[in-house]
Amino acid sequence: MYFRNSVMEKQSWFEAWFNSPYYKVLYQNRDRNEAEDFTSALVQYLQPKMGSKMLDIGCGEGRFAIQFAQKGFEVTGIDLAEKQIEKALNLERDNLQFMVHDMRLPFYLNYFDYAFNLFTSFGYFASEKDNLKAAKSFAAGLKVGATLVIDYMNRDWVLQQLKPFELVEREGVKFEIQKDFDGKHIIKHIRFVDAENQSKHYTERVSAFVLQDFIQMFAAVGLSHQATFGDYHLADYDAAHSPRMIMIFKK
């Protein structure tokens, strides 16, 4: 099912970029094999009951949501990017549905057993108020005793790996990528020439949150931190060396 559900009217950088067909071209290395391995590790750790209701927040084209659905769970995927939801609709089945929805706004209150926000699909907003709105909506959608999983970049590892400039070619498109850190955000400028020979420039701007930021933010909305892992195999988290922060919260 597909309808535009309570979406903020003013378009932000993430709405424009995520709706661009070139977003998928640049990030085509994010494949379903990776999603299958990660979701399998999460299911093994969480041990959800068959038929559990799950929410994939910021689902994109549904590569994680389809994996949870194939494992026998009732899955709903939401995303602000209409173009990505249009593609996700091809995956729909009896236990899998997709909707256009802004994560900052309430959705199915006290309904889900598990919610997932994967592959750094948070921290895009210009204000702390909007980040807190999103955190509140995550918590509000969960039943008491339910679980939230957030998969985010590990700031210290990202900064160690940061390349100020990179040239990436995908499907004949040359992407010039400039990265920077302003003390609060990881900023990525993406420039390329499209198929119509038009110069394009998109900017990604993601909050450089550390683990304690998430613990405090989600404690404020009634979620307690349970565990943190450092990669998609759920290895122990190390602030200096882990590529990811995969955080488990309980309502």
Protein backbone atom coordinates (compact mmCIF):
# COMPACT_ATOMS: atom_id res chain seq x y z
CA MET A 1 0.00 0.00 0.00
CA TYR A 2 1.33 3.45 -0.87
CA PHE A 3 0.13 6.82 0.31
CA ARG A 4 1.77 10.03 1.35
CA ASN A 5 1.35 9.92 5.09
CA SER A 6 1.99 13.07 7.16
CA VAL A 7 5.17 14.30 5.43
CA MET A 8 6.84 17.61 6.24
CA GLU A 9 6.26 19.95 3.28
CA LYS A 10 9.63 21.71 3.06
CA GLN A 11 12.09 19.58 1.12
CA SER A 12 15.40 18.92 2.89
CA TRP A 13 18.72 17.71 1.48
CA PHE A 14 17.91 14.09 2.28
CA GLU A 15 14.53 14.18 0.56
CA ALA A 16 16.05 15.60 -2.65
CA TRP A 17 19.11 13.32 -2.68
CA PHE A 18 17.37 10.09 -1.64
CA ASN A 19 14.76 10.63 -4.37
CA SER A 20 17.46 11.06 -7.00
CA PRO A 21 18.12 7.99 -9.21
CA TYR A 22 21.82 8.74 -8.82
CA TYR A 23 21.70 7.99 -5.09
CA LYS A 24 21.22 4.30 -5.90
CA VAL A 25 23.92 4.47 -8.59
CA LEU A 26 26.51 5.82 -6.15
CA TYR A 27 25.61 3.40 -3.35
CA GLN A 28 24.98 0.29 -5.43
CA ASN A 29 27.48 -1.66 -3.29
CA ARG A 30 24.82 -1.85 -0.56
CA ASP A 31 23.51 -5.23 -1.62
CA ARG A 32 21.02 -7.76 -0.33
CA ASN A 33 23.70 -10.26 0.66
CA GLU A 34 24.93 -7.79 3.28
CA ALA A 35 21.32 -7.21 4.38
CA GLU A 36 20.67 -10.95 4.66
CA ASP A 37 23.75 -11.51 6.81
CA PHE A 38 22.97 -8.57 9.09
CA THR A 39 19.29 -9.40 9.60
CA SER A 40 20.16 -13.04 10.29
CA ALA A 41 22.61 -11.95 12.99
CA LEU A 42 19.98 -9.66 14.52
CA VAL A 43 17.32 -12.37 14.53
CA GLN A 44 19.74 -14.83 16.12
CA TYR A 45 20.54 -12.32 18.87
CA LEU A 46 17.01 -10.96 19.47
CA GLN A 47 15.15 -14.27 19.15
CA PRO A 48 11.84 -12.66 18.09
CA LYS A 49 8.71 -14.80 18.12
CA MET A 50 7.40 -15.85 14.72
CA GLY A 51 4.86 -13.31 13.51
CA SER A 52 6.31 -10.46 15.57
CA LYS A 53 5.36 -7.01 14.24
CA MET A 54 8.41 -5.14 12.97
CA LEU A 55 8.93 -1.59 11.70
CA ASP A 56 11.80 -0.67 9.36
CA ILE A 57 12.28 3.10 9.78
CA GLY A 58 14.02 4.70 6.80
CA CYS A 59 13.61 1.51 4.80
CA GLY A 60 14.70 2.85 1.40
CA GLU A 61 13.93 0.30 -1.30
CA GLY A 62 13.31 -2.38 1.31
CA ARG A 63 16.48 -4.45 1.31
CA PHE A 64 16.31 -5.05 5.09
CA ALA A 65 12.52 -5.22 5.33
CA ILE A 66 12.26 -8.02 2.76
CA GLN A 67 14.78 -10.08 4.71
CA PHE A 68 12.76 -9.81 7.93
CA ALA A 69 9.56 -10.66 6.04
CA GLN A 70 11.15 -13.74 4.49
CA LYS A 71 12.03 -14.90 7.99
CA GLY A 72 8.34 -14.98 8.92
CA PHE A 73 7.71 -11.62 10.60
CA GLU A 74 5.00 -8.99 9.98
CA VAL A 75 6.96 -6.07 8.55
CA THR A 76 6.14 -2.46 7.71
CA GLY A 77 8.69 -0.22 5.99
CA ILE A 78 8.47 3.57 6.05
CA ASP A 79 10.57 6.19 4.30
CA LEU A 80 10.28 9.84 3.33
CA ALA A 81 11.66 9.22 -0.18
CA GLU A 82 8.72 8.56 -2.50
CA LYS A 83 10.90 7.24 -5.32
CA GLN A 84 12.44 4.60 -3.08
CA ILE A 85 9.04 3.53 -1.73
CA GLU A 86 7.77 3.21 -5.31
CA LYS A 87 10.48 0.62 -5.93
CA ALA A 88 9.91 -1.06 -2.57
CA LEU A 89 6.28 -1.69 -3.52
CA ASN A 90 7.49 -4.44 -5.87
CA LEU A 91 8.49 -6.43 -2.77
CA GLU A 92 5.12 -6.22 -1.03
CA ARG A 93 3.41 -9.40 0.11
CA ASP A 94 0.89 -10.45 2.77
CA ASN A 95 3.34 -9.83 5.62
CA LEU A 96 5.20 -6.85 4.10
CA GLN A 97 3.94 -3.35 3.33
CA PHE A 98 5.52 0.02 2.59
CA MET A 99 4.39 3.58 3.19
CA VAL A 100 5.73 7.09 2.63
CA HIS A 101 6.08 8.60 6.09
CA ASP A 102 8.26 11.12 7.92
CA MET A 103 9.98 9.43 10.88
CA ARG A 104 9.55 12.58 12.97
CA LEU A 105 5.80 12.06 13.11
CA PRO A 106 3.77 9.45 15.05
CA PHE A 107 3.02 6.13 13.37
CA TYR A 108 0.94 3.16 14.67
CA LEU A 109 1.17 3.94 18.39
CA ASN A 110 2.11 1.13 20.83
CA TYR A 111 1.94 -1.37 17.98
CA PHE A 112 5.33 -2.87 17.13
CA ASP A 113 7.36 -5.55 18.90
CA TYR A 114 10.57 -4.44 17.18
CA ALA A 115 11.68 -1.33 15.32
CA PHE A 116 14.82 -1.01 13.24
CA ASN A 117 16.61 2.11 12.02
CA LEU A 118 19.48 0.79 9.93
CA PHE A 119 22.44 2.01 7.89
CA THR A 120 22.72 5.50 9.45
CA SER A 121 19.15 6.54 8.68
CA PHE A 122 19.07 9.08 11.51
CA GLY A 123 20.81 12.35 12.37
CA TYR A 124 19.90 14.07 9.11
CA PHE A 125 17.91 16.90 10.63
CA ALA A 126 18.98 20.51 11.00
CA SER A 127 17.78 20.89 14.58
CA GLU A 128 18.08 18.91 17.80
CA LYS A 129 14.32 19.39 18.17
CA ASP A 130 13.74 17.31 15.04
CA ASN A 131 16.11 14.58 16.24
CA LEU A 132 14.14 14.39 19.48
CA LYS A 133 10.86 14.30 17.54
CA ALA A 134 12.15 11.28 15.66
CA ALA A 135 13.28 9.59 18.86
CA LYS A 136 9.85 10.19 20.42
CA SER A 137 8.07 8.72 17.40
CA PHE A 138 10.34 5.64 17.48
CA ALA A 139 9.46 5.07 21.13
CA ALA A 140 5.75 5.80 20.68
CA GLY A 141 5.37 3.10 18.04
CA LEU A 142 6.70 0.37 20.32
CA LYS A 143 4.75 -1.76 22.76
CA VAL A 144 5.93 -1.76 26.38
CA GLY A 145 8.84 -4.22 26.57
CA ALA A 146 9.54 -3.91 22.83
CA THR A 147 12.98 -3.42 21.26
CA LEU A 148 14.54 -0.71 19.09
CA VAL A 149 17.73 -1.35 17.07
CA ILE A 150 19.69 1.60 15.70
CA ASP A 151 22.60 1.04 13.33
CA TYR A 152 24.75 4.17 13.02
CA MET A 153 28.20 5.09 11.84
CA ASN A 154 30.92 5.14 14.50
CA ARG A 155 32.17 8.72 14.45
CA ASP A 156 35.74 8.07 15.62
CA TRP A 157 36.27 5.31 13.06
CA VAL A 158 34.77 7.45 10.28
CA LEU A 159 37.06 10.35 11.12
CA GLN A 160 40.09 8.06 11.04
CA GLN A 161 39.08 6.87 7.57
CA LEU A 162 37.99 10.27 6.24
CA LYS A 163 39.33 11.14 2.78
CA PRO A 164 38.96 14.87 1.97
CA PHE A 165 38.48 14.10 -1.72
CA GLU A 166 37.57 11.00 -3.66
CA LEU A 167 36.64 10.24 -7.28
CA VAL A 168 34.21 7.33 -7.67
CA GLU A 169 32.96 6.01 -11.01
CA ARG A 170 29.70 4.03 -11.17
CA GLU A 171 27.95 3.01 -14.40
CA GLY A 172 29.92 5.61 -16.35
CA VAL A 173 29.07 8.42 -13.93
CA LYS A 174 32.03 10.12 -12.27
CA PHE A 175 31.19 11.28 -8.76
CA GLU A 176 33.48 13.87 -7.18
CA ILE A 177 33.12 13.48 -3.42
CA GLN A 178 34.43 16.02 -0.92
CA LYS A 179 34.19 15.15 2.80
CA ASP A 180 34.59 17.36 5.83
CA PHE A 181 33.91 17.46 9.58
CA ASP A 182 32.65 20.72 11.10
CA GLY A 183 32.85 19.55 14.71
CA LYS A 184 29.22 18.40 14.81
CA HIS A 185 28.50 16.87 11.41
CA ILE A 186 30.10 14.67 8.78
CA ILE A 187 29.52 16.57 5.54
CA LYS A 188 29.79 15.06 2.09
CA HIS A 189 29.55 17.14 -1.10
CA ILE A 190 28.68 15.02 -4.15
CA ARG A 191 29.13 16.49 -7.63
CA PHE A 192 28.62 14.84 -11.02
CA VAL A 193 27.28 15.37 -14.54
CA ASP A 194 24.01 13.55 -15.22
CA ALA A 195 22.77 11.81 -18.39
CA GLU A 196 21.37 15.13 -19.68
CA ASN A 197 24.83 16.72 -19.31
CA GLN A 198 23.62 18.79 -16.36
CA SER A 199 25.94 19.47 -13.44
CA LYS A 200 24.50 18.21 -10.16
CA HIS A 201 25.50 18.93 -6.58
CA TYR A 202 24.04 17.19 -3.52
CA THR A 203 25.15 17.50 0.08
CA GLU A 204 24.88 14.87 2.79
CA ARG A 205 24.99 16.22 6.34
CA VAL A 206 24.86 13.68 9.19
CA SER A 207 25.20 14.43 12.89
CA ALA A 208 28.42 13.04 14.35
CA PHE A 209 26.71 11.47 17.37
CA VAL A 210 28.65 9.27 19.77
CA LEU A 211 27.22 6.44 21.84
CA GLN A 212 26.48 8.59 24.89
CA ASP A 213 24.46 11.00 22.72
CA PHE A 214 22.13 8.17 21.73
CA ILE A 215 21.87 6.81 25.27
CA GLN A 216 20.85 10.24 26.60
CA MET A 217 18.50 11.03 23.71
CA PHE A 218 16.58 7.78 23.93
CA ALA A 219 16.55 7.73 27.74
CA ALA A 220 14.68 11.04 27.47
CA VAL A 221 11.88 9.27 25.55
CA GLY A 222 11.69 6.25 27.84
CA LEU A 223 14.04 3.76 26.19
CA SER A 224 16.88 2.10 28.09
CA HIS A 225 20.16 1.10 26.47
CA GLN A 226 20.79 -2.66 26.55
CA ALA A 227 23.84 -3.35 24.38
CA THR A 228 26.07 -2.03 21.59
CA PHE A 229 27.82 -3.96 18.83
CA GLY A 230 30.53 -2.81 16.44
CA ASP A 231 29.79 -4.43 13.09
CA TYR A 232 27.21 -6.40 11.09
CA HIS A 233 28.38 -9.67 12.64
CA LEU A 234 27.58 -8.20 16.08
CA ALA A 235 31.16 -8.16 17.28
CA ASP A 236 31.94 -6.27 20.50
CA TYR A 237 31.86 -2.49 20.15
CA ASP A 238 35.15 -0.60 20.37
CA ALA A 239 34.88 3.19 20.13
CA ALA A 240 38.25 3.54 18.38
CA HIS A 241 38.11 0.66 15.94
CA SER A 242 34.54 -0.48 15.24
CA PRO A 243 33.04 0.72 11.93
CA ARG A 244 29.45 0.76 13.29
CA MET A 245 27.44 1.46 16.44
CA ILE A 246 24.60 -1.06 16.53
CA MET A 247 22.60 -0.11 19.60
CA ILE A 248 19.85 -2.09 21.30
CA PHE A 249 17.22 -0.21 23.33
CA LYS A 250 14.25 -1.48 25.33
CA LYS A 251 10.97 0.30 26.09
